[in-house]
């Protein structure tokens, strides 16, 4: 019985890892390329975009011109800012409960 449970847990972990790997995004060809306004989003834009991602998600369902993630970014700086902004959103939502 204990061996069967361990086997089920093992396969759940393996399938979770495989599904996660399939869902990872690929290379961004527009990283480091300026947008139409001549700007590249950096860490500060990443923080703002990460903090507002829920609003952007809802709006993007109804408006095709709104994206959650800025493609014209600096790369790792924007990504770190986006994660920080997302974490700030979750932390602030916990504080105001």
C-alpha atoms as a PDB file:
ATOM      1  CA  UNK A   1       0.000   0.000   0.000  1.00  0.00           C
ATOM      2  CA  UNK A   2       2.789   2.416   0.908  1.00  0.00           C
ATOM      3  CA  UNK A   3       4.641   1.546  -2.304  1.00  0.00           C
ATOM      4  CA  UNK A   4       1.535   2.299  -4.403  1.00  0.00           C
ATOM      5  CA  UNK A   5       1.098   5.705  -2.787  1.00  0.00           C
ATOM      6  CA  UNK A   6       4.773   6.518  -3.392  1.00  0.00           C
ATOM      7  CA  UNK A   7       4.395   5.495  -7.032  1.00  0.00           C
ATOM      8  CA  UNK A   8       1.321   7.708  -7.478  1.00  0.00           C
ATOM      9  CA  UNK A   9       3.107  10.671  -5.889  1.00  0.00           C
ATOM     10  CA  UNK A  10       6.129  10.057  -8.108  1.00  0.00           C
ATOM     11  CA  UNK A  11       4.013  10.121 -11.280  1.00  0.00           C
ATOM     12  CA  UNK A  12       2.132  13.223 -10.151  1.00  0.00           C
ATOM     13  CA  UNK A  13       5.467  15.009  -9.651  1.00  0.00           C
ATOM     14  CA  UNK A  14       6.816  13.792 -13.017  1.00  0.00           C
ATOM     15  CA  UNK A  15       3.671  14.875 -14.893  1.00  0.00           C
ATOM     16  CA  UNK A  16       3.650  18.267 -13.147  1.00  0.00           C
ATOM     17  CA  UNK A  17       7.262  18.874 -14.159  1.00  0.00           C
ATOM     18  CA  UNK A  18       6.601  17.811 -17.769  1.00  0.00           C
ATOM     19  CA  UNK A  19       3.506  19.984 -18.086  1.00  0.00           C
ATOM     20  CA  UNK A  20       5.421  22.934 -16.603  1.00  0.00           C
ATOM     21  CA  UNK A  21       8.296  22.508 -19.057  1.00  0.00           C
ATOM     22  CA  UNK A  22       5.941  22.434 -22.033  1.00  0.00           C
ATOM     23  CA  UNK A  23       4.335  25.688 -20.887  1.00  0.00           C
ATOM     24  CA  UNK A  24       7.547  27.726 -20.689  1.00  0.00           C
ATOM     25  CA  UNK A  25       7.826  30.616 -23.102  1.00  0.00           C
ATOM     26  CA  UNK A  26      10.429  30.621 -25.840  1.00  0.00           C
ATOM     27  CA  UNK A  27      12.976  33.220 -26.880  1.00  0.00           C
ATOM     28  CA  UNK A  28      11.750  36.811 -27.323  1.00  0.00           C
ATOM     29  CA  UNK A  29      13.069  38.189 -30.616  1.00  0.00           C
ATOM     30  CA  UNK A  30      11.921  41.720 -29.713  1.00  0.00           C
ATOM     31  CA  UNK A  31      13.984  41.984 -26.511  1.00  0.00           C
ATOM     32  CA  UNK A  32      16.340  44.949 -26.838  1.00  0.00           C
ATOM     33  CA  UNK A  33      14.458  46.345 -29.849  1.00  0.00           C
ATOM     34  CA  UNK A  34      12.794  49.750 -29.446  1.00  0.00           C
ATOM     35  CA  UNK A  35       9.017  49.998 -29.791  1.00  0.00           C
ATOM     36  CA  UNK A  36       7.066  52.475 -31.952  1.00  0.00           C
ATOM     37  CA  UNK A  37       7.711  55.245 -29.403  1.00  0.00           C
ATOM     38  CA  UNK A  38      11.455  54.562 -29.379  1.00  0.00           C
ATOM     39  CA  UNK A  39      11.479  53.062 -25.883  1.00  0.00           C
ATOM     40  CA  UNK A  40      12.585  49.802 -24.309  1.00  0.00           C
ATOM     41  CA  UNK A  41      10.855  48.684 -21.099  1.00  0.00           C
ATOM     42  CA  UNK A  42      13.259  48.191 -18.206  1.00  0.00           C
ATOM     43  CA  UNK A  43      12.993  47.104 -14.605  1.00  0.00           C
ATOM     44  CA  UNK A  44      10.678  49.952 -13.519  1.00  0.00           C
ATOM     45  CA  UNK A  45       8.211  49.249 -16.317  1.00  0.00           C
ATOM     46  CA  UNK A  46       8.451  45.578 -15.359  1.00  0.00           C
ATOM     47  CA  UNK A  47       7.469  46.351 -11.769  1.00  0.00           C
ATOM     48  CA  UNK A  48       4.498  48.426 -12.901  1.00  0.00           C
ATOM     49  CA  UNK A  49       3.384  45.869 -15.498  1.00  0.00           C
ATOM     50  CA  UNK A  50       3.751  43.035 -12.983  1.00  0.00           C
ATOM     51  CA  UNK A  51       1.716  44.926 -10.387  1.00  0.00           C
ATOM     52  CA  UNK A  52      -1.060  45.643 -12.899  1.00  0.00           C
ATOM     53  CA  UNK A  53      -1.080  42.251 -14.612  1.00  0.00           C
ATOM     54  CA  UNK A  54      -4.535  41.251 -13.275  1.00  0.00           C
ATOM     55  CA  UNK A  55      -6.100  44.404 -14.698  1.00  0.00           C
ATOM     56  CA  UNK A  56      -4.233  43.905 -17.979  1.00  0.00           C
ATOM     57  CA  UNK A  57      -5.412  40.288 -18.106  1.00  0.00           C
ATOM     58  CA  UNK A  58      -9.065  41.256 -17.759  1.00  0.00           C
ATOM     59  CA  UNK A  59      -8.794  44.121 -20.266  1.00  0.00           C
ATOM     60  CA  UNK A  60      -6.894  41.928 -22.751  1.00  0.00           C
ATOM     61  CA  UNK A  61      -9.840  39.536 -22.863  1.00  0.00           C
ATOM     62  CA  UNK A  62     -11.953  42.289 -24.451  1.00  0.00           C
ATOM     63  CA  UNK A  63      -9.350  44.448 -26.215  1.00  0.00           C
ATOM     64  CA  UNK A  64      -6.921  42.868 -28.682  1.00  0.00           C
ATOM     65  CA  UNK A  65      -4.453  45.793 -28.465  1.00  0.00           C
ATOM     66  CA  UNK A  66      -3.716  45.312 -24.732  1.00  0.00           C
ATOM     67  CA  UNK A  67      -0.988  42.845 -23.747  1.00  0.00           C
ATOM     68  CA  UNK A  68       0.000  41.585 -20.316  1.00  0.00           C
ATOM     69  CA  UNK A  69       3.728  41.509 -21.063  1.00  0.00           C
ATOM     70  CA  UNK A  70       5.790  44.121 -22.930  1.00  0.00           C
ATOM     71  CA  UNK A  71       7.701  42.416 -25.747  1.00  0.00           C
ATOM     72  CA  UNK A  72      10.079  45.353 -26.320  1.00  0.00           C
ATOM     73  CA  UNK A  73      12.026  44.980 -23.070  1.00  0.00           C
ATOM     74  CA  UNK A  74      15.576  44.845 -21.743  1.00  0.00           C
ATOM     75  CA  UNK A  75      15.438  41.128 -21.012  1.00  0.00           C
ATOM     76  CA  UNK A  76      16.417  39.982 -17.541  1.00  0.00           C
ATOM     77  CA  UNK A  77      15.875  43.439 -16.001  1.00  0.00           C
ATOM     78  CA  UNK A  78      12.277  43.622 -17.187  1.00  0.00           C
ATOM     79  CA  UNK A  79      11.620  40.013 -16.208  1.00  0.00           C
ATOM     80  CA  UNK A  80      12.921  40.575 -12.671  1.00  0.00           C
ATOM     81  CA  UNK A  81      10.818  43.736 -12.389  1.00  0.00           C
ATOM     82  CA  UNK A  82       7.739  41.885 -13.642  1.00  0.00           C
ATOM     83  CA  UNK A  83       8.190  39.179 -11.009  1.00  0.00           C
ATOM     84  CA  UNK A  84       8.764  41.799  -8.285  1.00  0.00           C
ATOM     85  CA  UNK A  85       5.611  43.651  -9.363  1.00  0.00           C
ATOM     86  CA  UNK A  86       3.601  40.445  -9.348  1.00  0.00           C
ATOM     87  CA  UNK A  87       4.888  39.587  -5.877  1.00  0.00           C
ATOM     88  CA  UNK A  88       4.041  43.110  -4.684  1.00  0.00           C
ATOM     89  CA  UNK A  89       0.496  42.633  -5.949  1.00  0.00           C
ATOM     90  CA  UNK A  90       0.103  39.365  -4.064  1.00  0.00           C
ATOM     91  CA  UNK A  91       1.685  40.804  -0.907  1.00  0.00           C
ATOM     92  CA  UNK A  92      -0.520  43.922  -1.011  1.00  0.00           C
ATOM     93  CA  UNK A  93      -3.636  41.825  -1.565  1.00  0.00           C
ATOM     94  CA  UNK A  94      -2.771  39.788   1.553  1.00  0.00           C
ATOM     95  CA  UNK A  95      -2.138  42.944   3.624  1.00  0.00           C
ATOM     96  CA  UNK A  96      -5.469  44.565   2.773  1.00  0.00           C
ATOM     97  CA  UNK A  97      -7.550  41.500   3.650  1.00  0.00           C
END
